[in-house]
Protein backbone atom coordinates (compact mmCIF):
# COMPACT_ATOMS: atom_id res chain seq x y z
CA MET A 1 -21.01 -35.01 34.50
CA ASP A 2 -22.92 -35.70 31.99
CA GLU A 3 -23.63 -39.79 30.90
CA PHE A 4 -21.52 -39.81 28.14
CA ALA A 5 -18.47 -38.29 29.97
CA LEU A 6 -19.90 -41.03 32.53
CA ILE A 7 -19.48 -43.32 30.52
CA ARG A 8 -16.51 -42.40 29.70
CA ARG A 9 -14.60 -42.52 32.18
CA TYR A 10 -15.74 -45.16 34.56
CA PHE A 11 -17.05 -47.81 32.51
CA HIS A 12 -14.25 -48.10 29.14
CA HIS A 13 -12.80 -50.86 30.12
CA ARG A 14 -10.22 -53.37 28.12
CA GLN A 15 -12.53 -55.60 25.91
CA GLY A 16 -12.52 -59.68 24.78
CA GLU A 17 -10.98 -60.04 20.89
CA ASP A 18 -14.62 -61.18 20.63
CA VAL A 19 -15.90 -57.33 20.23
CA VAL A 20 -15.46 -55.48 17.91
CA LEU A 21 -17.39 -52.55 18.71
CA GLY A 22 -18.33 -51.74 22.40
CA PRO A 23 -19.32 -48.96 24.78
CA GLY A 24 -19.67 -45.81 23.15
CA ASP A 25 -21.62 -46.20 20.24
CA ASP A 26 -25.75 -47.11 19.98
CA ALA A 27 -25.36 -50.62 20.25
CA ALA A 28 -22.50 -53.62 20.42
CA LEU A 29 -20.87 -55.03 17.75
CA LEU A 30 -20.02 -58.43 18.40
CA SER A 31 -18.35 -61.81 16.97
CA PRO A 32 -20.04 -64.86 18.13
CA PRO A 33 -17.82 -68.72 18.54
CA THR A 34 -18.91 -70.35 15.37
CA GLY A 35 -21.14 -72.97 15.58
CA GLU A 36 -22.04 -72.02 19.37
CA GLN A 37 -25.35 -71.16 21.04
CA LEU A 38 -25.85 -68.13 23.29
CA VAL A 39 -26.27 -68.01 26.38
CA MET A 40 -27.73 -64.77 27.72
CA THR A 41 -29.09 -64.27 31.46
CA LEU A 42 -30.46 -60.77 33.13
CA ASP A 43 -30.91 -59.77 36.40
CA THR A 44 -31.98 -56.29 38.36
CA SER A 45 -30.22 -55.42 41.80
CA VAL A 46 -32.23 -53.41 43.81
CA ALA A 47 -30.86 -51.16 47.33
CA GLY A 48 -32.11 -52.69 50.29
CA ARG A 49 -33.82 -55.58 48.36
CA HIS A 50 -31.29 -57.41 47.16
CA PHE A 51 -28.33 -56.14 48.63
CA PRO A 52 -27.87 -53.53 52.04
CA GLU A 53 -28.27 -49.74 50.71
CA ASP A 54 -24.63 -49.30 53.25
CA MET A 55 -22.59 -52.05 51.44
CA PRO A 56 -19.89 -50.28 49.81
CA ALA A 57 -19.66 -49.78 46.48
CA ALA A 58 -16.79 -52.33 45.59
CA ASP A 59 -18.76 -54.89 47.41
CA ILE A 60 -21.65 -54.14 44.96
CA GLY A 61 -20.05 -54.13 42.07
CA TYR A 62 -18.43 -57.44 42.16
CA ARG A 63 -22.47 -58.84 43.74
CA CYS A 64 -24.41 -57.50 40.76
CA LEU A 65 -22.26 -59.29 37.88
CA ALA A 66 -21.50 -62.38 40.06
CA VAL A 67 -24.93 -63.29 40.38
CA ASN A 68 -25.70 -63.06 36.28
CA LEU A 69 -22.14 -64.77 35.93
CA SER A 70 -23.28 -68.19 38.37
CA ASP A 71 -27.09 -68.07 35.56
CA LEU A 72 -24.24 -68.83 33.29
CA ALA A 73 -22.36 -71.55 35.00
CA ALA A 74 -25.89 -72.95 36.21
CA MET A 75 -26.09 -73.47 32.08
CA GLY A 76 -22.43 -74.79 31.11
CA ALA A 77 -22.10 -71.12 29.74
CA THR A 78 -18.31 -69.60 29.19
CA PRO A 79 -18.50 -65.78 29.61
CA ARG A 80 -18.61 -63.26 26.63
CA TRP A 81 -19.76 -60.18 26.90
CA PHE A 82 -22.81 -58.11 29.33
CA LEU A 83 -24.50 -55.43 29.61
CA LEU A 84 -24.90 -52.61 32.60
CA SER A 85 -28.11 -50.32 33.68
CA LEU A 86 -26.79 -48.29 36.55
CA THR A 87 -29.47 -46.34 38.16
CA LEU A 88 -28.07 -43.80 40.25
CA PRO A 89 -29.68 -41.22 42.50
CA GLU A 90 -26.03 -38.99 41.68
CA ALA A 91 -23.26 -39.46 40.14
CA ASP A 92 -20.51 -39.76 43.16
CA PRO A 93 -16.97 -40.36 41.75
CA ASP A 94 -16.47 -42.21 44.27
CA TRP A 95 -18.63 -44.71 44.12
CA LEU A 96 -18.55 -44.77 40.94
CA ARG A 97 -14.89 -45.16 41.45
CA ASP A 98 -15.25 -48.44 43.64
CA PHE A 99 -18.37 -49.68 42.14
CA SER A 100 -16.84 -50.02 38.20
CA ALA A 101 -13.75 -51.56 39.98
CA GLY A 102 -15.08 -54.28 41.91
CA LEU A 103 -17.99 -55.00 38.72
CA PHE A 104 -14.34 -55.02 36.21
CA GLU A 105 -12.28 -56.68 39.03
CA LEU A 106 -14.43 -60.05 38.61
CA ALA A 107 -15.09 -58.93 34.81
CA ASP A 108 -10.81 -59.81 34.40
CA GLN A 109 -11.18 -62.63 36.28
CA VAL A 110 -13.75 -65.06 34.40
CA GLY A 111 -12.21 -63.01 30.60
CA ILE A 112 -16.43 -61.61 30.60
CA SER A 113 -16.50 -58.13 28.82
CA LEU A 114 -19.02 -54.89 29.41
CA VAL A 115 -20.14 -54.11 25.77
CA GLY A 116 -22.82 -51.16 26.64
CA GLY A 117 -25.53 -50.27 28.69
CA ASP A 118 -27.29 -46.76 29.86
CA VAL A 119 -26.67 -44.85 33.23
CA THR A 120 -29.42 -42.15 34.18
CA ARG A 121 -30.59 -40.37 37.53
CA GLY A 122 -33.04 -42.46 39.66
CA PRO A 123 -33.48 -44.85 43.05
CA LEU A 124 -30.04 -46.80 43.26
CA ASN A 125 -30.28 -50.30 40.73
CA ILE A 126 -28.17 -52.33 39.00
CA ALA A 127 -29.26 -54.53 35.83
CA ILE A 128 -26.77 -56.52 34.00
CA GLN A 129 -27.36 -58.88 31.18
CA ALA A 130 -25.30 -61.26 30.06
CA THR A 131 -23.89 -63.51 27.16
CA GLY A 132 -22.29 -66.61 27.34
CA SER A 133 -21.48 -69.99 25.14
CA VAL A 134 -22.54 -72.97 24.79
CA LEU A 135 -21.86 -75.49 21.83
CA PRO A 136 -25.15 -77.29 20.75
CA GLY A 137 -26.88 -79.65 22.81
CA ARG A 138 -24.64 -79.56 25.92
CA ALA A 139 -25.91 -76.76 27.82
CA LEU A 140 -26.72 -78.19 31.62
CA ARG A 141 -30.74 -77.78 31.76
CA ARG A 142 -33.42 -77.80 34.84
CA ASP A 143 -35.78 -80.62 33.19
CA GLY A 144 -33.71 -83.25 33.31
CA ALA A 145 -33.94 -84.72 36.64
CA ARG A 146 -34.72 -88.71 36.30
CA PRO A 147 -35.99 -90.72 38.70
CA GLY A 148 -33.22 -93.03 40.66
CA GLN A 149 -31.00 -89.83 39.99
CA THR A 150 -28.46 -88.94 43.65
CA LEU A 151 -29.36 -85.19 43.84
CA ALA A 152 -26.58 -83.19 44.79
CA VAL A 153 -24.75 -80.07 45.45
CA THR A 154 -21.35 -77.80 45.36
CA GLY A 155 -20.48 -74.72 48.00
CA VAL A 156 -22.40 -74.86 51.68
CA PRO A 157 -25.98 -74.16 51.13
CA GLY A 158 -27.37 -71.36 54.35
CA LEU A 159 -23.79 -69.87 54.15
CA GLY A 160 -25.38 -66.84 51.56
CA GLY A 161 -28.03 -66.54 54.69
CA LEU A 162 -25.99 -66.41 57.38
CA GLY A 163 -23.86 -63.74 55.89
CA LEU A 164 -26.55 -61.73 55.70
CA ARG A 165 -27.71 -62.30 59.31
CA HIS A 166 -23.73 -61.39 59.99
CA TRP A 167 -24.14 -58.34 57.98
CA GLN A 168 -27.36 -56.91 59.43
CA ALA A 169 -26.37 -57.35 63.02
CA GLY A 170 -22.57 -55.27 61.93
CA ILE A 171 -20.39 -58.29 61.10
CA ARG A 172 -18.56 -57.50 58.02
CA ASP A 173 -15.57 -60.18 58.89
CA SER A 174 -16.71 -63.47 58.63
CA GLN A 175 -16.47 -66.06 56.29
CA SER A 176 -20.67 -65.47 55.35
CA ALA A 177 -20.22 -62.04 55.68
CA ARG A 178 -17.36 -62.47 52.69
CA HIS A 179 -19.46 -64.78 50.62
CA PHE A 180 -22.28 -62.85 50.79
CA ALA A 181 -21.16 -59.37 50.01
CA ARG A 182 -19.42 -61.42 47.27
CA PRO A 183 -20.36 -64.81 45.96
CA ARG A 184 -18.46 -66.57 43.54
CA PRO A 185 -20.12 -68.05 40.84
CA ALA A 186 -19.31 -71.81 39.78
CA LEU A 187 -18.48 -71.41 36.49
CA GLU A 188 -16.17 -74.16 37.00
CA TRP A 189 -18.41 -76.78 38.46
CA GLY A 190 -20.38 -75.71 35.24
CA ALA A 191 -17.73 -76.37 33.39
CA ALA A 192 -17.17 -80.31 34.50
CA LEU A 193 -20.64 -81.22 34.95
CA MET A 194 -21.34 -80.61 31.03
CA GLY A 195 -22.81 -83.62 29.12
CA ARG A 196 -22.82 -85.62 32.90
CA ALA A 197 -25.26 -83.93 34.93
CA GLY A 198 -29.10 -84.64 34.55
CA ALA A 199 -30.14 -81.34 35.42
CA ALA A 200 -28.38 -78.30 37.37
CA LEU A 201 -29.68 -74.78 38.29
CA ASP A 202 -27.76 -72.62 40.56
CA LEU A 203 -28.94 -72.08 44.54
CA SER A 204 -30.69 -68.68 44.84
CA ASP A 205 -32.88 -68.75 46.23
CA GLY A 206 -32.27 -71.36 48.26
CA LEU A 207 -31.91 -74.99 47.60
CA LEU A 208 -36.03 -75.53 48.83
CA GLN A 209 -37.49 -73.49 46.47
CA ASP A 210 -34.60 -74.38 43.63
CA LEU A 211 -35.39 -77.76 44.22
CA GLY A 212 -38.38 -77.33 42.83
CA HIS A 213 -37.82 -75.85 40.36
CA ILE A 214 -35.74 -78.71 38.95
CA LEU A 215 -38.89 -81.10 39.47
CA SER A 216 -41.28 -79.55 38.33
CA ALA A 217 -39.32 -78.56 35.12
CA SER A 218 -38.39 -82.30 34.95
CA GLY A 219 -42.21 -83.40 35.15
CA ASP A 220 -42.98 -83.13 38.50
CA LEU A 221 -40.78 -85.30 40.51
CA GLY A 222 -40.36 -85.59 44.22
CA ALA A 223 -37.29 -85.99 46.08
CA GLU A 224 -35.87 -87.17 49.23
CA LEU A 225 -33.55 -85.24 51.71
CA VAL A 226 -30.86 -86.18 53.84
CA LEU A 227 -30.55 -83.03 56.20
CA ALA A 228 -27.42 -84.54 57.49
CA ASP A 229 -25.19 -84.96 54.64
CA LEU A 230 -26.36 -80.67 53.58
CA PRO A 231 -22.29 -79.84 54.16
CA VAL A 232 -22.10 -76.43 56.27
CA ASN A 233 -18.25 -74.46 57.38
CA ASP A 234 -17.71 -74.06 61.45
CA GLU A 235 -19.67 -71.17 61.16
CA LEU A 236 -23.22 -73.36 60.03
CA ALA A 237 -21.91 -76.48 62.25
CA ALA A 238 -21.80 -73.44 65.45
CA LEU A 239 -25.83 -72.67 65.35
CA GLU A 240 -28.49 -74.59 66.84
CA ALA A 241 -29.71 -77.51 63.87
CA GLU A 242 -33.19 -76.26 63.68
CA ASP A 243 -31.74 -72.40 62.90
CA ARG A 244 -29.20 -74.45 60.32
CA TRP A 245 -31.34 -76.40 58.59
CA ALA A 246 -33.92 -73.20 58.46
CA LEU A 247 -31.24 -71.45 56.87
CA GLN A 248 -29.45 -74.40 54.34
CA LEU A 249 -32.95 -74.98 52.72
CA SER A 250 -34.60 -71.53 52.79
CA GLY A 251 -31.34 -68.82 52.59
CA GLY A 252 -30.89 -68.47 49.40
CA ASP A 253 -28.16 -66.49 48.42
CA ASP A 254 -25.33 -69.53 48.03
CA TYR A 255 -24.93 -69.63 44.02
CA GLY A 256 -23.55 -73.14 44.43
CA LEU A 257 -24.70 -75.38 42.36
CA LEU A 258 -27.48 -78.08 42.31
CA PHE A 259 -27.67 -81.02 40.71
CA THR A 260 -28.97 -84.58 40.27
CA TRP A 261 -26.41 -87.09 39.36
CA PRO A 262 -26.24 -90.74 37.58
CA ALA A 263 -27.21 -93.95 40.92
CA GLY A 264 -24.88 -95.75 41.52
CA VAL A 265 -22.04 -93.37 40.52
CA ALA A 266 -20.18 -91.07 42.95
CA VAL A 267 -20.39 -87.81 42.82
CA PRO A 268 -17.40 -85.54 41.57
CA ALA A 269 -14.89 -84.70 44.48
CA GLY A 270 -16.01 -81.52 45.96
CA ALA A 271 -19.63 -81.96 45.81
CA ARG A 272 -21.71 -83.04 47.48
CA ALA A 273 -24.60 -85.56 47.35
CA ILE A 274 -27.61 -84.84 50.02
CA GLY A 275 -30.49 -87.10 48.70
CA ARG A 276 -32.08 -89.06 44.93
CA ILE A 277 -34.89 -88.07 42.97
CA THR A 278 -37.96 -90.49 43.19
CA ASP A 279 -41.83 -89.72 41.26
CA VAL A 280 -43.24 -89.38 44.53
CA PRO A 281 -44.46 -85.90 44.12
CA GLY A 282 -43.14 -83.36 47.17
CA VAL A 283 -39.76 -82.85 49.01
CA ARG A 284 -39.51 -85.44 51.84
CA LEU A 285 -36.96 -84.73 54.80
CA HIS A 286 -35.04 -87.14 56.40
CA TYR A 287 -33.74 -86.11 60.07
CA PRO A 288 -30.82 -87.63 61.78
CA ASP A 289 -32.37 -89.12 64.30
CA GLY A 290 -34.88 -90.80 62.23
CA ARG A 291 -37.60 -88.38 61.62
CA VAL A 292 -39.60 -88.82 58.19
CA SER A 293 -41.68 -85.33 57.57
CA ASP A 294 -42.88 -83.37 53.86
CA ALA A 295 -40.54 -80.22 53.67
CA GLU A 296 -42.70 -76.91 53.72
CA PRO A 297 -42.21 -74.12 50.49
CA GLY A 298 -40.22 -71.64 51.25
CA GLY A 299 -37.02 -69.36 49.45
CA TRP A 300 -36.24 -66.03 48.31
CA ARG A 301 -39.55 -64.29 46.24
CA HIS A 302 -38.78 -61.57 44.17
CA PHE A 303 -41.90 -59.93 44.20
């Protein structure tokens, strides 16, 4: 099967009304929403580094799109279109059928259209470029944190790291393992926080590392982080405290949102306040026994 037959068979899918011309030509023709700004993101997922080589193809398709949509969520953007660049060691019909099924399952859930891309032979790599839109001046950004603001999260930090641990141990039916395979991008939260949160980003590389991005982008600020306030599920709660905190602070692959919120105002229901922003650089960890220590840098490294 050649590249063009492969694309026609597995990657032609229903399009939104804003797609004038989708896959099959040299490029796509799109109609951006009138008066809105475009938000664009690109992520490459490499087998054996960003997902296990034995992960089912449907989960790979779902997961690779989800991590891109998480970036759109962090900006408060509405998903519109995406491009797919797929490098395959071989054109396995069963793998392609399942991969495209997982990919389009999530695409249909959030209303985003595949509008083009590329397929070639080589080691398994999946690159997705996703585009969303947002009204001018409404996008969530990393640089809006201010001293005194509350620091808050959605979701459960540490779930992704524990899910990877479970996956590597052959445990595939735990909540954490299911979350690792099919993370749910926090698109509803992104929309709800627009115009209200000070700064925001998605938790993909670990809480401490991602918090550091907010602090540096906002003018070399600091934060006080209360470990007892970190949300947990039953699986995390069953771990020894030091092990749990290591996963929650540095595990990565969580894909909730980390955001700052006006001081003295309750964070939205469903989110959790976990500390506050300060004007002293660095992150201070507050332990349940009263200890306070400076956080050591940690998190996922892409290179």
